[in-house]
Protein backbone atom coordinates (compact mmCIF):
# COMPACT_ATOMS: atom_id res chain seq x y z
CA UNK A 1 301.23 120.36 279.13
CA UNK A 2 299.76 118.13 276.04
CA UNK A 3 303.14 116.19 274.55
CA UNK A 4 302.67 117.89 271.20
CA UNK A 5 302.66 121.66 272.06
CA UNK A 6 305.86 120.02 274.83
CA UNK A 7 307.22 119.39 271.60
CA UNK A 8 306.56 122.47 269.80
CA UNK A 9 308.40 124.25 272.96
CA UNK A 10 311.01 122.19 272.77
CA UNK A 11 311.97 122.39 268.38
CA UNK A 12 311.72 125.80 269.54
CA UNK A 13 313.99 126.71 272.68
CA UNK A 14 316.62 124.45 270.21
CA UNK A 15 316.55 127.14 267.55
CA UNK A 16 316.58 129.72 269.60
CA UNK A 17 319.53 128.60 272.03
CA UNK A 18 321.61 127.40 268.35
CA UNK A 19 320.94 131.24 267.53
CA UNK A 20 321.61 132.83 270.30
CA UNK A 21 324.80 130.64 270.60
CA UNK A 22 325.37 132.44 267.04
CA UNK A 23 324.76 135.81 268.21
CA UNK A 24 326.98 135.84 271.28
CA UNK A 25 330.08 134.32 269.33
CA UNK A 26 329.64 137.31 267.14
CA UNK A 27 329.58 139.95 269.75
CA UNK A 28 332.29 138.23 270.82
CA UNK A 29 334.84 138.57 267.97
CA UNK A 30 332.91 141.94 266.09
CA UNK A 31 332.30 140.42 262.78
CA UNK A 32 330.84 137.03 260.70
CA UNK A 33 332.18 133.87 262.46
CA UNK A 34 335.58 133.15 261.45
CA UNK A 35 334.77 129.57 259.38
CA UNK A 36 331.74 130.72 258.69
CA UNK A 37 332.86 134.82 256.78
CA UNK A 38 335.38 133.09 254.07
CA UNK A 39 336.41 129.36 254.13
CA UNK A 40 332.86 128.69 252.97
CA UNK A 41 331.34 130.08 249.91
CA UNK A 42 328.22 128.27 249.32
CA UNK A 43 324.80 129.82 248.49
CA UNK A 44 323.71 128.28 252.08
CA UNK A 45 326.91 129.58 253.66
CA UNK A 46 326.18 133.01 252.43
CA UNK A 47 322.57 132.80 252.98
CA UNK A 48 323.10 132.32 256.75
CA UNK A 49 325.89 134.79 257.16
CA UNK A 50 322.82 137.07 255.34
CA UNK A 51 320.68 135.87 258.51
CA UNK A 52 322.76 136.54 261.01
CA UNK A 53 324.14 139.43 259.28
CA UNK A 54 320.35 141.19 259.28
CA UNK A 55 319.62 139.67 262.88
CA UNK A 56 322.00 140.94 264.35
CA UNK A 57 321.40 144.36 262.99
CA UNK A 58 318.19 144.50 263.44
CA UNK A 59 318.47 143.23 267.22
CA UNK A 60 321.52 146.24 268.03
CA UNK A 61 318.70 148.52 266.50
CA UNK A 62 315.79 147.64 268.34
CA UNK A 63 314.46 150.79 270.19
CA UNK A 64 314.59 150.28 274.32
CA UNK A 65 312.33 151.88 276.77
CA UNK A 66 313.31 150.27 280.20
CA UNK A 67 309.74 148.58 280.04
CA UNK A 68 311.02 144.77 280.14
CA UNK A 69 308.26 143.50 278.49
CA UNK A 70 308.12 145.68 275.71
CA UNK A 71 312.00 145.12 275.49
CA UNK A 72 311.28 141.95 275.59
CA UNK A 73 309.14 141.15 272.27
CA UNK A 74 311.44 143.75 270.40
CA UNK A 75 314.57 141.71 270.83
CA UNK A 76 313.26 138.47 269.93
CA UNK A 77 310.79 139.21 267.02
CA UNK A 78 313.88 140.10 264.83
CA UNK A 79 315.52 137.45 266.53
CA UNK A 80 312.81 135.35 265.26
CA UNK A 81 312.88 136.05 261.81
CA UNK A 82 316.39 135.30 262.02
CA UNK A 83 315.98 131.67 263.24
CA UNK A 84 312.78 131.35 260.28
CA UNK A 85 315.25 132.86 257.22
CA UNK A 86 317.93 130.08 258.51
CA UNK A 87 315.32 127.53 258.43
CA UNK A 88 313.82 128.71 255.18
CA UNK A 89 317.89 128.13 253.62
CA UNK A 90 317.79 124.77 255.63
CA UNK A 91 315.06 123.54 253.82
CA UNK A 92 315.89 125.09 250.41
CA UNK A 93 319.44 123.61 250.69
CA UNK A 94 319.00 121.03 252.56
CA UNK A 95 318.47 117.04 252.54
CA UNK A 96 318.21 115.65 255.36
CA UNK A 97 314.77 114.72 256.54
CA UNK A 98 315.21 114.97 260.27
CA UNK A 99 316.40 117.99 259.90
CA UNK A 100 314.36 119.67 256.89
CA UNK A 101 311.15 118.79 259.56
CA UNK A 102 312.62 120.50 262.46
CA UNK A 103 312.98 123.70 260.16
CA UNK A 104 309.70 123.23 258.87
CA UNK A 105 308.18 123.36 262.63
CA UNK A 106 310.83 125.65 263.56
CA UNK A 107 308.99 128.52 261.02
CA UNK A 108 305.40 127.59 262.25
CA UNK A 109 306.19 128.21 265.82
CA UNK A 110 308.63 131.33 265.62
CA UNK A 111 305.84 132.47 263.45
CA UNK A 112 303.09 131.94 265.66
CA UNK A 113 305.12 132.95 268.98
CA UNK A 114 306.12 136.84 266.42
CA UNK A 115 302.80 137.56 266.19
CA UNK A 116 301.88 137.51 269.63
CA UNK A 117 304.86 139.46 270.68
CA UNK A 118 303.66 141.83 267.96
CA UNK A 119 300.46 141.92 269.28
CA UNK A 120 301.99 142.82 273.06
CA UNK A 121 303.43 145.09 271.12
CA UNK A 122 300.48 147.14 269.89
CA UNK A 123 298.92 146.79 272.92
CA UNK A 124 301.78 148.80 274.32
CA UNK A 125 301.29 152.11 272.25
CA UNK A 126 300.06 152.46 268.99
CA UNK A 127 303.49 153.93 267.90
CA UNK A 128 304.99 150.59 268.22
CA UNK A 129 302.32 148.81 265.54
CA UNK A 130 303.40 151.67 263.01
CA UNK A 131 306.97 150.49 263.71
CA UNK A 132 306.88 147.09 263.06
CA UNK A 133 309.85 145.37 260.91
CA UNK A 134 308.58 145.72 257.15
CA UNK A 135 307.31 143.00 255.49
CA UNK A 136 305.58 141.38 258.72
CA UNK A 137 301.88 141.43 258.78
CA UNK A 138 300.42 143.44 262.19
CA UNK A 139 298.17 141.29 265.11
CA UNK A 140 294.61 143.02 263.25
CA UNK A 141 295.86 141.59 259.88
CA UNK A 142 296.80 137.90 261.43
CA UNK A 143 293.43 137.77 263.37
CA UNK A 144 290.72 138.74 260.21
CA UNK A 145 293.02 136.16 257.52
CA UNK A 146 289.64 135.87 255.89
CA UNK A 147 290.23 139.25 254.39
CA UNK A 148 293.32 140.46 255.69
CA UNK A 149 294.51 143.61 253.65
CA UNK A 150 295.25 145.84 256.93
CA UNK A 151 294.15 149.80 256.45
CA UNK A 152 296.95 150.43 257.75
CA UNK A 153 299.38 148.82 254.92
CA UNK A 154 299.36 151.29 251.50
CA UNK A 155 299.76 149.85 248.23
CA UNK A 156 303.95 149.04 248.00
CA UNK A 157 305.98 146.88 245.65
CA UNK A 158 306.65 144.47 248.21
CA UNK A 159 302.58 143.63 247.87
CA UNK A 160 301.38 140.49 244.91
CA UNK A 161 298.68 139.50 242.85
CA UNK A 162 298.09 135.89 242.05
CA UNK A 163 296.28 134.39 239.02
CA UNK A 164 295.37 131.11 238.95
CA UNK A 165 295.71 130.73 235.23
CA UNK A 166 293.13 127.12 234.42
CA UNK A 167 294.83 126.74 230.34
CA UNK A 168 297.77 127.44 230.96
CA UNK A 169 298.46 125.69 234.39
CA UNK A 170 299.87 128.99 235.50
CA UNK A 171 300.18 131.00 238.03
CA UNK A 172 300.73 134.83 236.81
CA UNK A 173 302.17 137.23 239.09
CA UNK A 174 301.44 141.19 239.10
CA UNK A 175 303.23 143.79 240.71
CA UNK A 176 300.23 146.30 241.99
CA UNK A 177 303.31 149.14 242.95
CA UNK A 178 303.98 149.47 238.89
CA UNK A 179 300.89 147.33 237.90
CA UNK A 180 302.98 145.03 235.43
CA UNK A 181 303.43 141.52 235.21
CA UNK A 182 306.61 139.77 236.53
CA UNK A 183 306.36 136.29 235.23
CA UNK A 184 304.21 133.32 235.68
CA UNK A 185 305.21 130.39 237.89
CA UNK A 186 304.41 127.59 235.94
CA UNK A 187 302.73 124.61 237.37
CA UNK A 188 301.73 121.83 234.71
CA UNK A 189 301.26 121.99 231.05
CA UNK A 190 298.90 122.95 228.21
CA UNK A 191 296.71 120.88 226.44
CA UNK A 192 296.95 118.12 224.65
CA UNK A 193 299.89 117.91 226.53
CA UNK A 194 298.51 117.62 229.88
CA UNK A 195 295.92 115.36 229.11
CA UNK A 196 298.95 112.67 227.84
CA UNK A 197 298.68 109.16 230.69
CA UNK A 198 302.29 109.35 231.68
CA UNK A 199 301.85 113.38 232.46
CA UNK A 200 302.60 113.97 235.94
CA UNK A 201 302.25 118.42 236.53
CA UNK A 202 299.11 120.64 237.63
CA UNK A 203 295.66 120.38 235.34
CA UNK A 204 292.86 122.43 235.76
CA UNK A 205 295.13 125.42 238.19
CA UNK A 206 291.99 127.27 239.29
CA UNK A 207 291.22 127.94 242.87
CA UNK A 208 293.75 129.34 245.86
CA UNK A 209 293.81 130.91 249.52
CA UNK A 210 297.46 132.06 250.86
CA UNK A 211 298.71 131.34 254.92
CA UNK A 212 298.56 134.52 257.93
CA UNK A 213 301.66 135.53 257.99
CA UNK A 214 301.79 136.07 253.69
CA UNK A 215 304.20 133.86 252.92
CA UNK A 216 302.79 130.98 251.81
CA UNK A 217 300.05 130.74 248.41
CA UNK A 218 298.16 127.52 248.11
CA UNK A 219 296.82 126.77 244.34
CA UNK A 220 294.49 124.66 243.67
CA UNK A 221 294.35 122.16 240.82
CA UNK A 222 291.00 121.23 240.13
CA UNK A 223 291.95 118.41 236.78
CA UNK A 224 295.00 116.95 239.19
CA UNK A 225 292.95 116.67 243.00
CA UNK A 226 295.46 118.80 244.25
CA UNK A 227 296.57 121.50 246.81
CA UNK A 228 300.28 123.74 246.06
CA UNK A 229 302.02 125.17 248.56
CA UNK A 230 303.66 127.90 246.84
CA UNK A 231 306.59 129.62 248.64
CA UNK A 232 305.61 133.69 248.12
CA UNK A 233 309.22 135.21 248.81
CA UNK A 234 310.69 132.70 246.27
CA UNK A 235 308.13 131.71 244.13
CA UNK A 236 309.60 128.35 244.65
CA UNK A 237 307.58 125.19 245.17
CA UNK A 238 307.37 123.85 249.03
CA UNK A 239 305.45 120.82 248.26
CA UNK A 240 302.38 119.31 246.70
CA UNK A 241 299.26 117.29 248.35
CA UNK A 242 296.70 115.42 246.97
CA UNK A 243 293.76 114.98 247.77
CA UNK A 244 290.29 113.80 246.53
CA UNK A 245 288.83 114.44 243.54
CA UNK A 246 287.95 117.66 242.19
CA UNK A 247 289.15 120.16 244.86
CA UNK A 248 287.59 123.55 243.96
CA UNK A 249 289.47 126.50 246.22
CA UNK A 250 291.26 126.78 249.89
CA UNK A 251 292.64 129.05 252.87
CA UNK A 252 294.45 128.80 255.74
CA UNK A 253 292.76 129.13 259.48
CA UNK A 254 293.47 132.41 261.06
CA UNK A 255 295.97 130.35 263.10
CA UNK A 256 297.87 129.33 260.36
CA UNK A 257 298.13 126.07 261.32
CA UNK A 258 295.48 124.84 258.94
CA UNK A 259 294.48 124.79 255.56
CA UNK A 260 291.19 124.08 254.52
CA UNK A 261 290.38 122.66 251.10
CA UNK A 262 287.34 122.21 249.27
CA UNK A 263 286.96 119.51 247.62
CA UNK A 264 284.17 119.90 245.17
CA UNK A 265 283.83 116.49 243.48
CA UNK A 266 282.85 114.92 246.47
CA UNK A 267 280.65 115.95 250.24
CA UNK A 268 283.92 117.13 252.15
CA UNK A 269 286.48 119.23 253.17
CA UNK A 270 289.69 118.33 253.51
CA UNK A 271 291.87 119.77 256.83
CA UNK A 272 295.84 119.66 256.04
CA UNK A 273 298.73 120.00 258.03
CA UNK A 274 300.27 122.82 256.13
CA UNK A 275 304.14 121.65 258.04
CA UNK A 276 303.49 117.93 257.13
CA UNK A 277 302.09 118.91 253.43
CA UNK A 278 299.05 116.11 254.11
CA UNK A 279 295.15 115.57 255.28
CA UNK A 280 294.60 114.96 258.26
CA UNK A 281 290.84 114.94 258.68
CA UNK A 282 287.80 115.16 256.49
CA UNK A 283 284.88 117.95 257.28
CA UNK A 284 281.69 115.96 255.92
CA UNK A 285 279.40 118.19 254.05
CA UNK A 286 276.62 118.72 251.62
CA UNK A 287 277.47 117.84 248.21
CA UNK A 288 279.81 119.54 245.81
CA UNK A 289 281.51 122.50 248.77
CA UNK A 290 282.12 124.99 246.61
CA UNK A 291 284.74 127.69 249.10
CA UNK A 292 285.58 127.77 252.91
CA UNK A 293 286.85 131.05 254.58
CA UNK A 294 286.51 131.79 258.18
CA UNK A 295 285.11 134.35 260.55
CA UNK A 296 288.49 136.36 261.59
CA UNK A 297 288.19 134.46 265.52
CA UNK A 298 288.42 131.43 263.99
CA UNK A 299 284.91 129.89 265.08
CA UNK A 300 283.32 129.25 262.50
CA UNK A 301 284.21 128.44 258.55
CA UNK A 302 281.61 128.75 255.91
CA UNK A 303 281.18 126.58 253.20
CA UNK A 304 278.58 127.22 249.98
CA UNK A 305 278.13 124.65 247.90
CA UNK A 306 278.03 124.50 244.42
CA UNK A 307 275.72 121.35 243.81
CA UNK A 308 273.24 121.78 246.80
CA UNK A 309 271.27 125.21 247.70
CA UNK A 310 272.73 124.49 250.95
CA UNK A 311 276.28 127.14 253.03
CA UNK A 312 277.31 124.74 255.76
CA UNK A 313 278.48 126.81 258.57
CA UNK A 314 280.80 124.59 260.48
CA UNK A 315 282.65 124.53 264.12
CA UNK A 316 285.98 124.96 263.75
CA UNK A 317 286.84 123.06 267.26
CA UNK A 318 284.56 120.26 266.81
CA UNK A 319 284.70 120.10 262.82
CA UNK A 320 281.06 120.05 262.64
CA UNK A 321 278.71 121.49 260.72
CA UNK A 322 276.47 123.37 263.14
CA UNK A 323 273.94 125.07 260.75
CA UNK A 324 272.80 124.26 257.14
CA UNK A 325 271.16 127.62 255.58
CA UNK A 326 269.36 127.72 252.52
CA UNK A 327 270.97 129.44 248.91
CA UNK A 328 268.17 130.79 246.71
CA UNK A 329 269.95 127.95 243.95
CA UNK A 330 272.27 125.75 244.03
CA UNK A 331 275.27 127.23 242.07
CA UNK A 332 277.82 129.13 244.51
CA UNK A 333 280.98 129.02 243.41
CA UNK A 334 282.85 132.03 246.17
CA UNK A 335 282.08 133.91 249.74
CA UNK A 336 283.72 136.81 251.37
CA UNK A 337 283.66 137.00 254.96
CA UNK A 338 283.68 141.25 256.15
CA UNK A 339 287.04 142.61 258.18
CA UNK A 340 284.54 142.85 261.60
CA UNK A 341 282.88 139.54 261.73
CA UNK A 342 279.73 140.46 261.50
CA UNK A 343 278.40 139.35 257.79
CA UNK A 344 279.11 136.72 254.49
CA UNK A 345 278.51 137.98 251.06
CA UNK A 346 278.10 134.93 248.77
CA UNK A 347 277.64 134.25 244.84
CA UNK A 348 274.93 132.04 243.25
CA UNK A 349 276.16 132.19 239.53
CA UNK A 350 273.68 130.05 238.71
CA UNK A 351 271.12 132.08 238.92
CA UNK A 352 273.05 135.75 239.38
CA UNK A 353 272.05 136.68 242.64
CA UNK A 354 274.11 138.32 246.01
CA UNK A 355 273.48 136.81 249.50
CA UNK A 356 273.99 138.42 252.53
CA UNK A 357 273.94 136.43 256.00
CA UNK A 358 275.31 136.94 259.78
CA UNK A 359 277.78 135.18 260.82
CA UNK A 360 276.10 135.14 263.96
CA UNK A 361 273.36 131.96 264.90
CA UNK A 362 271.39 131.67 263.98
CA UNK A 363 273.20 132.78 260.72
CA UNK A 364 269.95 134.12 259.05
CA UNK A 365 269.88 135.66 256.20
CA UNK A 366 269.54 139.30 255.99
CA UNK A 367 269.73 140.14 252.47
CA UNK A 368 269.30 138.69 248.32
CA UNK A 369 270.09 140.44 245.37
CA UNK A 370 269.94 140.47 241.54
CA UNK A 371 273.59 140.94 240.92
CA UNK A 372 273.27 139.34 237.48
CA UNK A 373 273.88 136.60 235.13
CA UNK A 374 276.81 134.67 235.96
CA UNK A 375 277.40 136.57 239.07
CA UNK A 376 280.84 135.32 239.54
CA UNK A 377 282.90 136.31 242.84
CA UNK A 378 282.71 139.28 245.74
CA UNK A 379 285.26 141.41 247.32
CA UNK A 380 284.65 143.50 250.29
CA UNK A 381 286.25 146.14 250.79
CA UNK A 382 286.54 149.07 253.46
CA UNK A 383 287.66 152.35 253.48
CA UNK A 384 287.75 156.28 253.74
CA UNK A 385 284.15 156.41 251.51
CA UNK A 386 282.55 153.56 253.48
CA UNK A 387 282.46 150.39 253.67
CA UNK A 388 281.55 148.07 250.14
CA UNK A 389 281.37 144.79 248.28
CA UNK A 390 282.10 144.74 244.99
CA UNK A 391 280.85 141.57 242.50
CA UNK A 392 282.27 140.34 239.12
CA UNK A 393 279.32 139.99 236.71
CA UNK A 394 280.42 138.18 234.37
CA UNK A 395 277.47 138.18 232.03
CA UNK A 396 277.47 141.99 231.89
CA UNK A 397 281.17 141.94 231.55
CA UNK A 398 281.05 144.79 234.61
CA UNK A 399 281.75 145.06 238.65
CA UNK A 400 279.06 145.90 240.65
CA UNK A 401 279.51 148.01 243.76
CA UNK A 402 277.12 147.82 246.22
CA UNK A 403 277.23 150.30 249.73
CA UNK A 404 277.16 147.63 252.84
CA UNK A 405 274.60 148.07 255.58
CA UNK A 406 271.02 147.11 256.83
CA UNK A 407 270.03 147.99 253.10
CA UNK A 408 272.72 147.40 250.76
CA UNK A 409 272.23 149.67 246.95
CA UNK A 410 273.95 149.26 244.38
CA UNK A 411 276.13 153.10 244.11
CA UNK A 412 278.10 152.17 240.61
CA UNK A 413 278.57 149.69 237.41
CA UNK A 414 282.18 149.62 236.49
CA UNK A 415 282.77 148.31 232.55
CA UNK A 416 286.01 146.13 232.91
CA UNK A 417 286.40 143.48 229.74
CA UNK A 418 285.17 139.89 228.64
CA UNK A 419 284.24 137.27 231.47
CA UNK A 420 285.29 139.14 234.60
CA UNK A 421 285.93 136.60 237.46
CA UNK A 422 288.16 135.73 240.12
CA UNK A 423 288.29 139.81 242.71
CA UNK A 424 289.90 140.90 245.73
CA UNK A 425 291.24 144.07 248.02
CA UNK A 426 294.47 145.57 248.14
CA UNK A 427 296.29 145.94 251.69
CA UNK A 428 294.55 149.51 251.89
CA UNK A 429 290.89 149.00 250.12
CA UNK A 430 291.73 152.03 247.77
CA UNK A 431 291.77 148.87 244.99
CA UNK A 432 290.37 145.43 243.88
CA UNK A 433 292.38 143.59 240.86
CA UNK A 434 289.42 141.46 238.94
CA UNK A 435 290.57 138.74 236.07
CA UNK A 436 289.03 138.64 233.07
CA UNK A 437 288.46 135.60 232.27
CA UNK A 438 287.89 135.52 228.12
CA UNK A 439 290.46 138.22 228.05
CA UNK A 440 293.45 136.86 229.80
CA UNK A 441 293.66 140.09 231.53
CA UNK A 442 293.87 141.81 235.10
CA UNK A 443 292.08 145.37 235.65
CA UNK A 444 292.75 147.23 238.23
CA UNK A 445 290.42 149.41 239.59
CA UNK A 446 290.65 152.60 241.68
CA UNK A 447 287.88 152.30 244.40
CA UNK A 448 287.28 155.72 245.41
CA UNK A 449 286.86 156.87 242.33
CA UNK A 450 285.69 153.41 240.66
CA UNK A 451 287.47 153.49 237.33
CA UNK A 452 289.94 151.18 235.63
CA UNK A 453 293.01 152.25 235.97
CA UNK A 454 295.59 149.37 234.70
CA UNK A 455 295.21 146.23 232.23
CA UNK A 456 297.66 143.78 232.72
CA UNK A 457 297.98 140.60 230.66
CA UNK A 458 298.11 137.56 232.48
CA UNK A 459 298.03 133.51 231.80
CA UNK A 460 295.16 131.84 230.16
CA UNK A 461 291.39 132.27 231.61
CA UNK A 462 292.69 133.23 235.05
CA UNK A 463 289.71 132.18 237.51
CA UNK A 464 290.70 133.20 241.25
CA UNK A 465 292.54 136.43 242.00
CA UNK A 466 294.73 136.89 244.84
CA UNK A 467 295.42 140.45 246.16
CA UNK A 468 298.91 139.59 249.29
CA UNK A 469 300.33 142.47 250.92
CA UNK A 470 304.14 142.51 251.73
CA UNK A 471 304.58 138.68 249.79
CA UNK A 472 307.93 139.85 249.11
CA UNK A 473 309.79 140.83 252.98
CA UNK A 474 313.02 142.02 250.83
CA UNK A 475 314.22 141.94 247.40
CA UNK A 476 313.00 142.06 244.25
CA UNK A 477 311.08 138.74 244.30
CA UNK A 478 311.65 138.14 240.93
CA UNK A 479 313.17 134.33 241.65
CA UNK A 480 312.13 131.59 239.97
CA UNK A 481 309.57 133.54 237.62
CA UNK A 482 309.05 132.21 233.63
CA UNK A 483 307.93 134.57 230.94
CA UNK A 484 304.20 133.91 230.25
CA UNK A 485 305.13 132.55 226.40
CA UNK A 486 302.61 131.23 224.05
CA UNK A 487 299.51 132.01 226.96
CA UNK A 488 299.83 135.50 225.91
CA UNK A 489 298.51 135.29 222.86
CA UNK A 490 294.50 134.47 222.90
CA UNK A 491 291.93 136.42 220.50
CA UNK A 492 288.82 137.88 220.79
CA UNK A 493 285.21 137.55 219.24
CA UNK A 494 281.72 138.96 220.15
CA UNK A 495 278.69 137.49 219.38
CA UNK A 496 275.59 139.95 219.17
CA UNK A 497 271.82 139.54 218.14
CA UNK A 498 270.90 139.68 214.34
CA UNK A 499 269.86 143.37 213.17
CA UNK A 500 265.84 143.67 213.65
CA UNK A 501 265.94 139.53 215.38
CA UNK A 502 264.32 141.39 218.61
CA UNK A 503 267.14 138.64 220.30
CA UNK A 504 268.86 140.01 223.52
CA UNK A 505 271.34 137.27 223.31
CA UNK A 506 274.91 138.28 223.59
CA UNK A 507 278.54 136.45 224.15
CA UNK A 508 281.70 137.07 224.31
CA UNK A 509 284.00 134.19 222.84
CA UNK A 510 288.33 133.84 223.49
CA UNK A 511 291.02 131.29 221.54
CA UNK A 512 293.65 130.34 223.22
CA UNK A 513 296.46 128.73 221.42
CA UNK A 514 297.01 125.36 223.12
CA UNK A 515 300.54 124.36 221.30
CA UNK A 516 298.48 123.08 217.64
CA UNK A 517 295.40 123.36 218.54
CA UNK A 518 293.37 125.77 220.26
CA UNK A 519 290.59 125.98 223.22
CA UNK A 520 287.60 128.23 222.34
CA UNK A 521 285.34 129.16 225.39
CA UNK A 522 281.86 131.18 225.02
CA UNK A 523 280.25 133.24 228.05
CA UNK A 524 276.84 133.81 227.08
CA UNK A 525 273.88 135.37 227.88
CA UNK A 526 270.53 136.76 226.97
CA UNK A 527 269.11 133.71 226.64
CA UNK A 528 265.90 131.57 227.10
CA UNK A 529 266.18 129.84 230.57
CA UNK A 530 266.67 126.01 230.50
CA UNK A 531 267.11 126.06 226.83
CA UNK A 532 269.55 124.04 225.05
CA UNK A 533 271.38 125.78 222.16
CA UNK A 534 273.61 125.15 219.62
CA UNK A 535 277.12 127.25 218.89
CA UNK A 536 278.14 126.41 215.08
CA UNK A 537 281.31 127.73 212.68
CA UNK A 538 279.80 128.41 209.41
CA UNK A 539 280.78 130.03 205.94
CA UNK A 540 278.54 132.72 206.81
CA UNK A 541 278.01 135.36 209.22
CA UNK A 542 274.04 136.04 207.78
CA UNK A 543 271.50 133.68 206.65
CA UNK A 544 271.59 131.61 204.72
CA UNK A 545 275.13 130.66 206.81
CA UNK A 546 275.93 127.95 204.49
CA UNK A 547 278.03 124.75 206.16
CA UNK A 548 277.44 124.48 209.45
CA UNK A 549 279.65 122.15 211.93
CA UNK A 550 278.83 122.10 215.56
CA UNK A 551 281.41 123.03 217.83
CA UNK A 552 279.38 122.72 221.16
CA UNK A 553 276.32 122.62 222.87
CA UNK A 554 274.83 124.01 226.22
CA UNK A 555 272.38 125.30 228.46
CA UNK A 556 270.99 128.11 229.26
CA UNK A 557 270.67 128.36 233.38
CA UNK A 558 268.45 130.12 235.68
CA UNK A 559 269.37 132.93 234.54
CA UNK A 560 269.85 132.90 230.80
CA UNK A 561 273.32 132.65 230.44
CA UNK A 562 275.99 129.44 230.59
CA UNK A 563 279.48 128.74 229.33
CA UNK A 564 280.45 126.50 227.09
CA UNK A 565 284.32 125.07 225.49
CA UNK A 566 285.47 123.35 222.90
CA UNK A 567 289.10 122.39 220.69
CA UNK A 568 289.54 122.22 217.52
CA UNK A 569 291.57 124.02 214.85
CA UNK A 570 290.16 127.64 215.15
CA UNK A 571 292.39 130.23 215.19
CA UNK A 572 292.85 130.59 211.52
CA UNK A 573 289.80 130.16 210.13
CA UNK A 574 288.12 132.63 212.66
CA UNK A 575 291.01 134.82 212.07
CA UNK A 576 290.05 137.77 209.36
CA UNK A 577 291.30 137.35 205.84
CA UNK A 578 294.94 139.47 204.41
CA UNK A 579 293.39 139.02 201.13
CA UNK A 580 289.88 138.53 199.42
CA UNK A 581 291.04 135.59 197.78
CA UNK A 582 291.55 134.27 201.09
CA UNK A 583 287.84 135.49 202.43
CA UNK A 584 286.44 132.33 201.22
CA UNK A 585 288.44 130.08 203.69
CA UNK A 586 287.29 132.38 206.88
CA UNK A 587 284.26 130.89 209.18
CA UNK A 588 282.30 132.28 211.31
CA UNK A 589 280.36 131.73 214.61
CA UNK A 590 276.45 131.90 215.26
CA UNK A 591 274.24 130.38 218.63
CA UNK A 592 270.68 128.83 217.74
CA UNK A 593 268.43 127.29 219.85
CA UNK A 594 268.59 123.51 219.47
CA UNK A 595 266.87 121.91 216.25
CA UNK A 596 266.81 125.81 214.78
CA UNK A 597 268.45 127.01 212.12
CA UNK A 598 267.73 130.32 212.69
CA UNK A 599 270.54 132.29 214.64
CA UNK A 600 270.44 134.01 217.89
CA UNK A 601 273.61 135.39 217.83
CA UNK A 602 275.86 136.29 215.14
CA UNK A 603 279.94 137.20 214.92
CA UNK A 604 279.82 141.19 215.00
CA UNK A 605 283.78 142.15 216.04
CA UNK A 606 286.61 140.06 214.87
CA UNK A 607 289.84 141.62 217.09
CA UNK A 608 293.05 140.51 215.21
CA UNK A 609 294.46 136.86 216.33
CA UNK A 610 298.14 136.30 216.52
CA UNK A 611 299.04 133.24 213.85
CA UNK A 612 299.27 129.82 215.30
CA UNK A 613 303.07 129.31 215.85
CA UNK A 614 305.29 126.16 215.07
CA UNK A 615 304.71 123.28 217.51
CA UNK A 616 307.21 124.07 220.42
CA UNK A 617 307.66 122.33 224.24
CA UNK A 618 306.68 125.09 226.64
CA UNK A 619 309.15 126.02 229.69
CA UNK A 620 309.10 123.52 232.18
CA UNK A 621 306.98 123.55 235.52
CA UNK A 622 308.22 125.15 238.33
CA UNK A 623 310.72 122.47 240.56
CA UNK A 624 308.80 120.29 242.29
CA UNK A 625 304.99 121.19 240.93
CA UNK A 626 304.67 117.59 240.28
């Protein structure tokens, strides 16, 4: 037996002996141990008492069949869950580093053993699988961490939808049962506070993934080069791992033992030990790895690039690239792996394409789809209607739905709102949730009707979106969440071609408050590929435009689209005046080709933008968020 394995088993044995000893004490007295019942009323003791009571009640209520294998597993699952609950209480309240390390290892080993025992129970009978304890992922679910929403898990108030909000540096938390925002986990401050030389919290909160047991969220911050690990049941930061330049996305291996994070600003994937919370090794890839997901059996990792037209396939046992698959263009930000492990879909943001690849050697490209400008993310959904791919197309403000198969076909186009970005499916495949980057919102889509059924306000400029079934095993799951604050007060504008111009340009614009300043983001389409353009602030929205002030310049990509940003005092001048007297102070947005005064798009629609408030500090970031 390897020394490390032997050490883990010894730790598990210690935890099991301790817990069983306490159970024996309770069995003798018929009540909570006297010295734990009333003499000590601390929060820690109360949590330990509750864990013990829940564990003994669950063990006593286990259905005994006379089959030793079944009965052993049925008793040990709640036993292990009790040990995990007590270990989490130690992590929350304890300070001894040795005991905290012991508690972390107990959590990992007990969770792994629960998965094995539940798998054996599932093999015994289908009814046992249906009767698994609330909040505990099934064996099938654990085997497919890349798409862990099992068809047997209906939408519940225990589920959560998370968005990584890049500008407000928050994680928004949604209850999909009610489609309501519960609050945000604040990981950092907005600009300009986050640009201070003394700033130590998270910056550009962007990517994310979650563990196979659905108890840990991994949130990636590009600007602070970090991965923040968050407890999904308490919304508390467990720790922060700092890695290389500009990481983009992260996901856990199917067995939960490793967390892989793509370091897009360099040329490697950081392999992180989620228990010790530190990088353990690096996997060299093509320059600019964009995302990583795994085949359900864990044998291969798939890593597309955002800078190089190459998707790398990594053998997870040797940590070596075993195949280099050509991408149709260099910029792939996102991918999804099918539940049956047969295919990978990956998006190409620069060329507006989506490609489908086999997950088995020689990993050939099966199909290439022209999905549309600013193709962002993709989610693969299986439900009673069939097998589908949902692709967010930011340049058209739609989701495109493709029926999967040997010849993928477009079956629906769903209007969403401004700049759809992240997308993930629910546990039963009946919904997808989509983040609207330029609308600071999330839409819920009924996948059986392919219609938007709810719009939910979230933090500023949501990027990655995750749906985590049974993220909250018990309770409300609202602890440690904060109000959204000024993040919910954005302005939205659109630009269209001047009448009679024959141009095809279109753009959506969001204006987000950053304290005394504002962040403007424009997503433009219908441009000439490879050409340079300027976004102007002008006195008039029709020619001649009067005084012009350049806000930002950008180059259209291969699909004739691009996203640009500007920071300044913009909210007031772009807000429609309340009186004719103040009309001369208003300004408008136009787009022109570089070196030209002829507009290809002009501002054409207003949505009221709340006036800027007096500068005030945001609430402090979550504990441990530094």
